[in-house]
PDB file of N, CA and C in Angstrom:
ATOM      1  N   MET A   1     -31.328 -15.862 -21.097  1.00  0.00           N
ATOM      2  CA  MET A   1     -30.246 -15.693 -22.035  1.00  0.00           C
ATOM      3  C   MET A   1     -28.943 -16.126 -21.365  1.00  0.00           C
ATOM      4  N   THR A   2     -28.150 -16.875 -22.062  1.00  0.00           N
ATOM      5  CA  THR A   2     -26.901 -17.349 -21.495  1.00  0.00           C
ATOM      6  C   THR A   2     -25.841 -16.254 -21.544  1.00  0.00           C
ATOM      7  N   LYS A   3     -24.991 -16.300 -20.554  1.00  0.00           N
ATOM      8  CA  LYS A   3     -23.922 -15.316 -20.471  1.00  0.00           C
ATOM      9  C   LYS A   3     -22.783 -15.734 -21.402  1.00  0.00           C
ATOM     10  N   LYS A   4     -22.247 -14.773 -22.124  1.00  0.00           N
ATOM     11  CA  LYS A   4     -21.145 -15.026 -23.038  1.00  0.00           C
ATOM     12  C   LYS A   4     -19.875 -15.318 -22.234  1.00  0.00           C
ATOM     13  N   ARG A   5     -19.151 -16.359 -22.623  1.00  0.00           N
ATOM     14  CA  ARG A   5     -17.910 -16.701 -21.940  1.00  0.00           C
ATOM     15  C   ARG A   5     -16.833 -15.683 -22.274  1.00  0.00           C
ATOM     16  N   ARG A   6     -16.019 -15.384 -21.293  1.00  0.00           N
ATOM     17  CA  ARG A   6     -14.950 -14.435 -21.556  1.00  0.00           C
ATOM     18  C   ARG A   6     -13.779 -15.147 -22.216  1.00  0.00           C
ATOM     19  N   LYS A   7     -13.139 -14.442 -23.101  1.00  0.00           N
ATOM     20  CA  LYS A   7     -12.003 -14.975 -23.839  1.00  0.00           C
ATOM     21  C   LYS A   7     -10.746 -14.821 -22.994  1.00  0.00           C
ATOM     22  N   LEU A   8     -10.017 -15.905 -22.796  1.00  0.00           N
ATOM     23  CA  LEU A   8      -8.808 -15.885 -21.990  1.00  0.00           C
ATOM     24  C   LEU A   8      -7.579 -15.833 -22.886  1.00  0.00           C
ATOM     25  N   ASN A   9      -6.498 -15.293 -22.344  1.00  0.00           N
ATOM     26  CA  ASN A   9      -5.249 -15.171 -23.085  1.00  0.00           C
ATOM     27  C   ASN A   9      -4.105 -15.354 -22.088  1.00  0.00           C
ATOM     28  N   LYS A  10      -3.405 -16.469 -22.183  1.00  0.00           N
ATOM     29  CA  LYS A  10      -2.341 -16.795 -21.223  1.00  0.00           C
ATOM     30  C   LYS A  10      -1.216 -15.752 -21.216  1.00  0.00           C
ATOM     31  N   ASP A  11      -0.802 -15.297 -22.382  1.00  0.00           N
ATOM     32  CA  ASP A  11       0.262 -14.290 -22.446  1.00  0.00           C
ATOM     33  C   ASP A  11      -0.165 -12.994 -21.759  1.00  0.00           C
ATOM     34  N   PHE A  12      -1.414 -12.612 -21.971  1.00  0.00           N
ATOM     35  CA  PHE A  12      -1.927 -11.385 -21.357  1.00  0.00           C
ATOM     36  C   PHE A  12      -2.018 -11.554 -19.839  1.00  0.00           C
ATOM     37  N   GLU A  13      -2.395 -12.741 -19.392  1.00  0.00           N
ATOM     38  CA  GLU A  13      -2.455 -13.005 -17.953  1.00  0.00           C
ATOM     39  C   GLU A  13      -1.070 -12.879 -17.326  1.00  0.00           C
ATOM     40  N   LYS A  14      -0.033 -13.319 -18.026  1.00  0.00           N
ATOM     41  CA  LYS A  14       1.335 -13.180 -17.531  1.00  0.00           C
ATOM     42  C   LYS A  14       1.706 -11.705 -17.408  1.00  0.00           C
ATOM     43  N   LYS A  15       1.286 -10.905 -18.373  1.00  0.00           N
ATOM     44  CA  LYS A  15       1.568  -9.466 -18.333  1.00  0.00           C
ATOM     45  C   LYS A  15       0.855  -8.812 -17.149  1.00  0.00           C
ATOM     46  N   ILE A  16      -0.369  -9.229 -16.876  1.00  0.00           N
ATOM     47  CA  ILE A  16      -1.107  -8.686 -15.739  1.00  0.00           C
ATOM     48  C   ILE A  16      -0.419  -9.087 -14.435  1.00  0.00           C
ATOM     49  N   TYR A  17       0.013 -10.346 -14.358  1.00  0.00           N
ATOM     50  CA  TYR A  17       0.695 -10.827 -13.159  1.00  0.00           C
ATOM     51  C   TYR A  17       1.987 -10.037 -12.917  1.00  0.00           C
ATOM     52  N   THR A  18       2.763  -9.833 -13.966  1.00  0.00           N
ATOM     53  CA  THR A  18       4.003  -9.066 -13.850  1.00  0.00           C
ATOM     54  C   THR A  18       3.708  -7.624 -13.441  1.00  0.00           C
ATOM     55  N   SER A  19       2.665  -7.055 -14.015  1.00  0.00           N
ATOM     56  CA  SER A  19       2.272  -5.687 -13.663  1.00  0.00           C
ATOM     57  C   SER A  19       1.879  -5.606 -12.196  1.00  0.00           C
ATOM     58  N   LYS A  20       1.159  -6.603 -11.727  1.00  0.00           N
ATOM     59  CA  LYS A  20       0.743  -6.637 -10.313  1.00  0.00           C
ATOM     60  C   LYS A  20       1.962  -6.665  -9.401  1.00  0.00           C
ATOM     61  N   LYS A  21       2.940  -7.482  -9.745  1.00  0.00           N
ATOM     62  CA  LYS A  21       4.154  -7.574  -8.931  1.00  0.00           C
ATOM     63  C   LYS A  21       4.920  -6.252  -8.944  1.00  0.00           C
ATOM     64  N   ASN A  22       4.962  -5.584 -10.086  1.00  0.00           N
ATOM     65  CA  ASN A  22       5.629  -4.285 -10.174  1.00  0.00           C
ATOM     66  C   ASN A  22       4.943  -3.252  -9.294  1.00  0.00           C
ATOM     67  N   VAL A  23       3.621  -3.232  -9.326  1.00  0.00           N
ATOM     68  CA  VAL A  23       2.858  -2.293  -8.492  1.00  0.00           C
ATOM     69  C   VAL A  23       3.112  -2.584  -7.019  1.00  0.00           C
ATOM     70  N   GLU A  24       3.076  -3.856  -6.637  1.00  0.00           N
ATOM     71  CA  GLU A  24       3.311  -4.227  -5.236  1.00  0.00           C
ATOM     72  C   GLU A  24       4.713  -3.831  -4.781  1.00  0.00           C
ATOM     73  N   LEU A  25       5.703  -4.009  -5.657  1.00  0.00           N
ATOM     74  CA  LEU A  25       7.076  -3.658  -5.312  1.00  0.00           C
ATOM     75  C   LEU A  25       7.223  -2.154  -5.091  1.00  0.00           C
ATOM     76  N   VAL A  26       6.668  -1.365  -5.988  1.00  0.00           N
ATOM     77  CA  VAL A  26       6.760   0.090  -5.830  1.00  0.00           C
ATOM     78  C   VAL A  26       6.009   0.550  -4.581  1.00  0.00           C
ATOM     79  N   LEU A  27       4.838  -0.026  -4.334  1.00  0.00           N
ATOM     80  CA  LEU A  27       4.093   0.340  -3.120  1.00  0.00           C
ATOM     81  C   LEU A  27       4.891  -0.001  -1.864  1.00  0.00           C
ATOM     82  N   ALA A  28       5.556  -1.146  -1.850  1.00  0.00           N
ATOM     83  CA  ALA A  28       6.378  -1.525  -0.699  1.00  0.00           C
ATOM     84  C   ALA A  28       7.511  -0.527  -0.504  1.00  0.00           C
ATOM     85  N   LYS A  29       8.122  -0.103  -1.601  1.00  0.00           N
ATOM     86  CA  LYS A  29       9.201   0.884  -1.510  1.00  0.00           C
ATOM     87  C   LYS A  29       8.681   2.220  -1.008  1.00  0.00           C
ATOM     88  N   ILE A  30       7.492   2.593  -1.447  1.00  0.00           N
ATOM     89  CA  ILE A  30       6.899   3.860  -0.990  1.00  0.00           C
ATOM     90  C   ILE A  30       6.595   3.784   0.503  1.00  0.00           C
ATOM     91  N   TYR A  31       6.042   2.660   0.943  1.00  0.00           N
ATOM     92  CA  TYR A  31       5.729   2.508   2.368  1.00  0.00           C
ATOM     93  C   TYR A  31       6.988   2.498   3.235  1.00  0.00           C
ATOM     94  N   ASP A  32       8.132   2.167   2.651  1.00  0.00           N
ATOM     95  CA  ASP A  32       9.393   2.159   3.399  1.00  0.00           C
ATOM     96  C   ASP A  32      10.007   3.543   3.550  1.00  0.00           C
ATOM     97  N   ILE A  33       9.478   4.538   2.872  1.00  0.00           N
ATOM     98  CA  ILE A  33      10.011   5.905   2.978  1.00  0.00           C
ATOM     99  C   ILE A  33       9.683   6.453   4.360  1.00  0.00           C
ATOM    100  N   ASP A  34      10.705   6.922   5.051  1.00  0.00           N
ATOM    101  CA  ASP A  34      10.533   7.406   6.425  1.00  0.00           C
ATOM    102  C   ASP A  34       9.879   8.784   6.503  1.00  0.00           C
ATOM    103  N   ASP A  35      10.229   9.663   5.593  1.00  0.00           N
ATOM    104  CA  ASP A  35       9.695  11.022   5.607  1.00  0.00           C
ATOM    105  C   ASP A  35       8.242  10.994   5.130  1.00  0.00           C
ATOM    106  N   GLU A  36       7.340  11.354   6.024  1.00  0.00           N
ATOM    107  CA  GLU A  36       5.901  11.268   5.740  1.00  0.00           C
ATOM    108  C   GLU A  36       5.468  12.161   4.577  1.00  0.00           C
ATOM    109  N   ASP A  37       6.034  13.343   4.474  1.00  0.00           N
ATOM    110  CA  ASP A  37       5.673  14.247   3.379  1.00  0.00           C
ATOM    111  C   ASP A  37       6.090  13.675   2.023  1.00  0.00           C
ATOM    112  N   ILE A  38       7.290  13.129   1.967  1.00  0.00           N
ATOM    113  CA  ILE A  38       7.764  12.526   0.722  1.00  0.00           C
ATOM    114  C   ILE A  38       6.930  11.297   0.388  1.00  0.00           C
ATOM    115  N   GLN A  39       6.620  10.507   1.399  1.00  0.00           N
ATOM    116  CA  GLN A  39       5.799   9.316   1.187  1.00  0.00           C
ATOM    117  C   GLN A  39       4.433   9.691   0.607  1.00  0.00           C
ATOM    118  N   LYS A  40       3.820  10.731   1.139  1.00  0.00           N
ATOM    119  CA  LYS A  40       2.521  11.194   0.634  1.00  0.00           C
ATOM    120  C   LYS A  40       2.635  11.676  -0.814  1.00  0.00           C
ATOM    121  N   GLU A  41       3.719  12.376  -1.112  1.00  0.00           N
ATOM    122  CA  GLU A  41       3.927  12.865  -2.471  1.00  0.00           C
ATOM    123  C   GLU A  41       4.051  11.691  -3.451  1.00  0.00           C
ATOM    124  N   TYR A  42       4.838  10.691  -3.083  1.00  0.00           N
ATOM    125  CA  TYR A  42       5.001   9.514  -3.939  1.00  0.00           C
ATOM    126  C   TYR A  42       3.679   8.757  -4.094  1.00  0.00           C
ATOM    127  N   MET A  43       2.954   8.589  -2.993  1.00  0.00           N
ATOM    128  CA  MET A  43       1.673   7.874  -3.055  1.00  0.00           C
ATOM    129  C   MET A  43       0.677   8.611  -3.934  1.00  0.00           C
ATOM    130  N   SER A  44       0.646   9.904  -3.800  1.00  0.00           N
ATOM    131  CA  SER A  44      -0.251  10.716  -4.617  1.00  0.00           C
ATOM    132  C   SER A  44       0.068  10.545  -6.098  1.00  0.00           C
ATOM    133  N   ALA A  45       1.351  10.550  -6.419  1.00  0.00           N
ATOM    134  CA  ALA A  45       1.763  10.400  -7.817  1.00  0.00           C
ATOM    135  C   ALA A  45       1.517   8.983  -8.327  1.00  0.00           C
ATOM    136  N   PHE A  46       1.649   7.985  -7.459  1.00  0.00           N
ATOM    137  CA  PHE A  46       1.525   6.590  -7.885  1.00  0.00           C
ATOM    138  C   PHE A  46       0.072   6.118  -7.916  1.00  0.00           C
ATOM    139  N   ASN A  47      -0.835   6.833  -7.274  1.00  0.00           N
ATOM    140  CA  ASN A  47      -2.245   6.422  -7.244  1.00  0.00           C
ATOM    141  C   ASN A  47      -2.841   6.279  -8.639  1.00  0.00           C
ATOM    142  N   GLY A  48      -2.451   7.136  -9.554  1.00  0.00           N
ATOM    143  CA  GLY A  48      -2.944   7.038 -10.927  1.00  0.00           C
ATOM    144  C   GLY A  48      -2.526   5.736 -11.588  1.00  0.00           C
ATOM    145  N   VAL A  49      -1.294   5.313 -11.329  1.00  0.00           N
ATOM    146  CA  VAL A  49      -0.787   4.055 -11.879  1.00  0.00           C
ATOM    147  C   VAL A  49      -1.573   2.887 -11.292  1.00  0.00           C
ATOM    148  N   VAL A  50      -1.806   2.927  -9.991  1.00  0.00           N
ATOM    149  CA  VAL A  50      -2.557   1.860  -9.328  1.00  0.00           C
ATOM    150  C   VAL A  50      -3.976   1.794  -9.891  1.00  0.00           C
ATOM    151  N   LEU A  51      -4.591   2.923 -10.100  1.00  0.00           N
ATOM    152  CA  LEU A  51      -5.942   2.961 -10.651  1.00  0.00           C
ATOM    153  C   LEU A  51      -5.986   2.360 -12.057  1.00  0.00           C
ATOM    154  N   LEU A  52      -5.011   2.700 -12.886  1.00  0.00           N
ATOM    155  CA  LEU A  52      -4.955   2.132 -14.237  1.00  0.00           C
ATOM    156  C   LEU A  52      -4.743   0.621 -14.190  1.00  0.00           C
ATOM    157  N   PHE A  53      -3.915   0.151 -13.258  1.00  0.00           N
ATOM    158  CA  PHE A  53      -3.722  -1.293 -13.121  1.00  0.00           C
ATOM    159  C   PHE A  53      -5.022  -1.967 -12.689  1.00  0.00           C
ATOM    160  N   GLU A  54      -5.704  -1.379 -11.723  1.00  0.00           N
ATOM    161  CA  GLU A  54      -6.973  -1.959 -11.248  1.00  0.00           C
ATOM    162  C   GLU A  54      -8.004  -2.008 -12.369  1.00  0.00           C
ATOM    163  N   ASN A  55      -8.060  -0.974 -13.196  1.00  0.00           N
ATOM    164  CA  ASN A  55      -8.973  -0.973 -14.342  1.00  0.00           C
ATOM    165  C   ASN A  55      -8.628  -2.102 -15.316  1.00  0.00           C
ATOM    166  N   LEU A  56      -7.343  -2.268 -15.578  1.00  0.00           N
ATOM    167  CA  LEU A  56      -6.868  -3.331 -16.465  1.00  0.00           C
ATOM    168  C   LEU A  56      -7.260  -4.702 -15.920  1.00  0.00           C
ATOM    169  N   LYS A  57      -6.984  -4.927 -14.661  1.00  0.00           N
ATOM    170  CA  LYS A  57      -7.277  -6.210 -14.022  1.00  0.00           C
ATOM    171  C   LYS A  57      -8.780  -6.484 -13.993  1.00  0.00           C
ATOM    172  N   GLN A  58      -9.550  -5.480 -13.618  1.00  0.00           N
ATOM    173  CA  GLN A  58     -11.009  -5.627 -13.533  1.00  0.00           C
ATOM    174  C   GLN A  58     -11.617  -5.905 -14.906  1.00  0.00           C
ATOM    175  N   ASP A  59     -11.144  -5.213 -15.918  1.00  0.00           N
ATOM    176  CA  ASP A  59     -11.646  -5.423 -17.271  1.00  0.00           C
ATOM    177  C   ASP A  59     -11.386  -6.859 -17.721  1.00  0.00           C
ATOM    178  N   TYR A  60     -10.191  -7.362 -17.435  1.00  0.00           N
ATOM    179  CA  TYR A  60      -9.859  -8.729 -17.841  1.00  0.00           C
ATOM    180  C   TYR A  60     -10.691  -9.750 -17.065  1.00  0.00           C
ATOM    181  N   GLU A  61     -10.882  -9.509 -15.765  1.00  0.00           N
ATOM    182  CA  GLU A  61     -11.675 -10.436 -14.949  1.00  0.00           C
ATOM    183  C   GLU A  61     -13.134 -10.460 -15.395  1.00  0.00           C
ATOM    184  N   ASN A  62     -13.656  -9.307 -15.784  1.00  0.00           N
ATOM    185  CA  ASN A  62     -15.070  -9.226 -16.164  1.00  0.00           C
ATOM    186  C   ASN A  62     -15.331  -9.622 -17.615  1.00  0.00           C
ATOM    187  N   GLN A  63     -14.476  -9.176 -18.518  1.00  0.00           N
ATOM    188  CA  GLN A  63     -14.749  -9.354 -19.939  1.00  0.00           C
ATOM    189  C   GLN A  63     -13.776 -10.277 -20.644  1.00  0.00           C
ATOM    190  N   GLY A  64     -12.659 -10.588 -20.005  1.00  0.00           N
ATOM    191  CA  GLY A  64     -11.646 -11.384 -20.668  1.00  0.00           C
ATOM    192  C   GLY A  64     -10.841 -10.527 -21.626  1.00  0.00           C
ATOM    193  N   PHE A  65     -10.099 -11.183 -22.489  1.00  0.00           N
ATOM    194  CA  PHE A  65      -9.277 -10.472 -23.460  1.00  0.00           C
ATOM    195  C   PHE A  65     -10.179  -9.920 -24.548  1.00  0.00           C
ATOM    196  N   ASN A  66     -10.121  -8.605 -24.767  1.00  0.00           N
ATOM    197  CA  ASN A  66     -10.992  -7.966 -25.758  1.00  0.00           C
ATOM    198  C   ASN A  66     -10.235  -6.856 -26.478  1.00  0.00           C
ATOM    199  N   GLU A  67     -10.936  -6.142 -27.325  1.00  0.00           N
ATOM    200  CA  GLU A  67     -10.287  -5.115 -28.145  1.00  0.00           C
ATOM    201  C   GLU A  67      -9.673  -3.979 -27.332  1.00  0.00           C
ATOM    202  N   SER A  68     -10.144  -3.738 -26.120  1.00  0.00           N
ATOM    203  CA  SER A  68      -9.580  -2.653 -25.318  1.00  0.00           C
ATOM    204  C   SER A  68      -8.470  -3.121 -24.373  1.00  0.00           C
ATOM    205  N   SER A  69      -8.219  -4.413 -24.310  1.00  0.00           N
ATOM    206  CA  SER A  69      -7.233  -4.950 -23.363  1.00  0.00           C
ATOM    207  C   SER A  69      -5.833  -4.393 -23.593  1.00  0.00           C
ATOM    208  N   GLU A  70      -5.383  -4.420 -24.839  1.00  0.00           N
ATOM    209  CA  GLU A  70      -4.038  -3.917 -25.140  1.00  0.00           C
ATOM    210  C   GLU A  70      -3.927  -2.423 -24.869  1.00  0.00           C
ATOM    211  N   GLU A  71      -4.978  -1.692 -25.148  1.00  0.00           N
ATOM    212  CA  GLU A  71      -4.976  -0.247 -24.878  1.00  0.00           C
ATOM    213  C   GLU A  71      -4.871   0.025 -23.377  1.00  0.00           C
ATOM    214  N   LEU A  72      -5.616  -0.727 -22.576  1.00  0.00           N
ATOM    215  CA  LEU A  72      -5.552  -0.571 -21.124  1.00  0.00           C
ATOM    216  C   LEU A  72      -4.152  -0.908 -20.607  1.00  0.00           C
ATOM    217  N   LEU A  73      -3.559  -1.967 -21.153  1.00  0.00           N
ATOM    218  CA  LEU A  73      -2.204  -2.351 -20.753  1.00  0.00           C
ATOM    219  C   LEU A  73      -1.205  -1.269 -21.138  1.00  0.00           C
ATOM    220  N   ASN A  74      -1.326  -0.720 -22.329  1.00  0.00           N
ATOM    221  CA  ASN A  74      -0.418   0.345 -22.767  1.00  0.00           C
ATOM    222  C   ASN A  74      -0.574   1.599 -21.916  1.00  0.00           C
ATOM    223  N   ASN A  75      -1.808   1.939 -21.554  1.00  0.00           N
ATOM    224  CA  ASN A  75      -2.038   3.101 -20.681  1.00  0.00           C
ATOM    225  C   ASN A  75      -1.356   2.905 -19.335  1.00  0.00           C
ATOM    226  N   TYR A  76      -1.504   1.704 -18.788  1.00  0.00           N
ATOM    227  CA  TYR A  76      -0.855   1.387 -17.504  1.00  0.00           C
ATOM    228  C   TYR A  76       0.665   1.488 -17.638  1.00  0.00           C
ATOM    229  N   LYS A  77       1.222   0.850 -18.677  1.00  0.00           N
ATOM    230  CA  LYS A  77       2.679   0.847 -18.859  1.00  0.00           C
ATOM    231  C   LYS A  77       3.216   2.269 -19.035  1.00  0.00           C
ATOM    232  N   ASN A  78       2.519   3.087 -19.806  1.00  0.00           N
ATOM    233  CA  ASN A  78       2.956   4.474 -20.008  1.00  0.00           C
ATOM    234  C   ASN A  78       2.957   5.247 -18.689  1.00  0.00           C
ATOM    235  N   ALA A  79       1.903   5.066 -17.899  1.00  0.00           N
ATOM    236  CA  ALA A  79       1.822   5.752 -16.605  1.00  0.00           C
ATOM    237  C   ALA A  79       2.917   5.266 -15.658  1.00  0.00           C
ATOM    238  N   PHE A  80       3.164   3.958 -15.659  1.00  0.00           N
ATOM    239  CA  PHE A  80       4.202   3.388 -14.798  1.00  0.00           C
ATOM    240  C   PHE A  80       5.576   3.930 -15.201  1.00  0.00           C
ATOM    241  N   ASN A  81       5.858   3.934 -16.486  1.00  0.00           N
ATOM    242  CA  ASN A  81       7.136   4.447 -16.983  1.00  0.00           C
ATOM    243  C   ASN A  81       7.300   5.936 -16.681  1.00  0.00           C
ATOM    244  N   HIS A  82       6.211   6.683 -16.808  1.00  0.00           N
ATOM    245  CA  HIS A  82       6.259   8.118 -16.492  1.00  0.00           C
ATOM    246  C   HIS A  82       6.564   8.311 -15.007  1.00  0.00           C
ATOM    247  N   PHE A  83       5.915   7.532 -14.156  1.00  0.00           N
ATOM    248  CA  PHE A  83       6.186   7.629 -12.717  1.00  0.00           C
ATOM    249  C   PHE A  83       7.655   7.324 -12.432  1.00  0.00           C
ATOM    250  N   GLU A  84       8.171   6.253 -13.026  1.00  0.00           N
ATOM    251  CA  GLU A  84       9.570   5.886 -12.803  1.00  0.00           C
ATOM    252  C   GLU A  84      10.535   6.971 -13.279  1.00  0.00           C
ATOM    253  N   SER A  85      10.183   7.655 -14.364  1.00  0.00           N
ATOM    254  CA  SER A  85      11.067   8.691 -14.877  1.00  0.00           C
ATOM    255  C   SER A  85      11.015   9.969 -14.018  1.00  0.00           C
ATOM    256  N   GLU A  86       9.895  10.194 -13.365  1.00  0.00           N
ATOM    257  CA  GLU A  86       9.736  11.401 -12.549  1.00  0.00           C
ATOM    258  C   GLU A  86      10.214  11.219 -11.102  1.00  0.00           C
ATOM    259  N   PHE A  87      10.102  10.008 -10.587  1.00  0.00           N
ATOM    260  CA  PHE A  87      10.405   9.749  -9.182  1.00  0.00           C
ATOM    261  C   PHE A  87      11.455   8.649  -9.080  1.00  0.00           C
ATOM    262  N   GLU A  88      12.468   8.912  -8.248  1.00  0.00           N
ATOM    263  CA  GLU A  88      13.489   7.898  -7.995  1.00  0.00           C
ATOM    264  C   GLU A  88      12.981   6.977  -6.910  1.00  0.00           C
ATOM    265  N   ILE A  89      12.884   5.715  -7.237  1.00  0.00           N
ATOM    266  CA  ILE A  89      12.406   4.773  -6.232  1.00  0.00           C
ATOM    267  C   ILE A  89      13.240   3.527  -6.202  1.00  0.00           C
TER     268      ILE A  89
END
């Protein structure tokens, strides 16, 4: 049986790329925190955002653009925005 080709979406790929850069920027800022306890607190809080981004990226790489893609992106964005509102970075 032939494998179904994944559906690609250039606009969605741009959103994933931008999300990746945002995650990398926040992680770099967290790693720059000198106080180890504060750094651990920020990392602990940001791990959920990183996990949601990884799920989004993995889903797109494996399945392409599908009915759950926008939901995964919205979940990531909501978590990222919540982190930004709770933590000054």
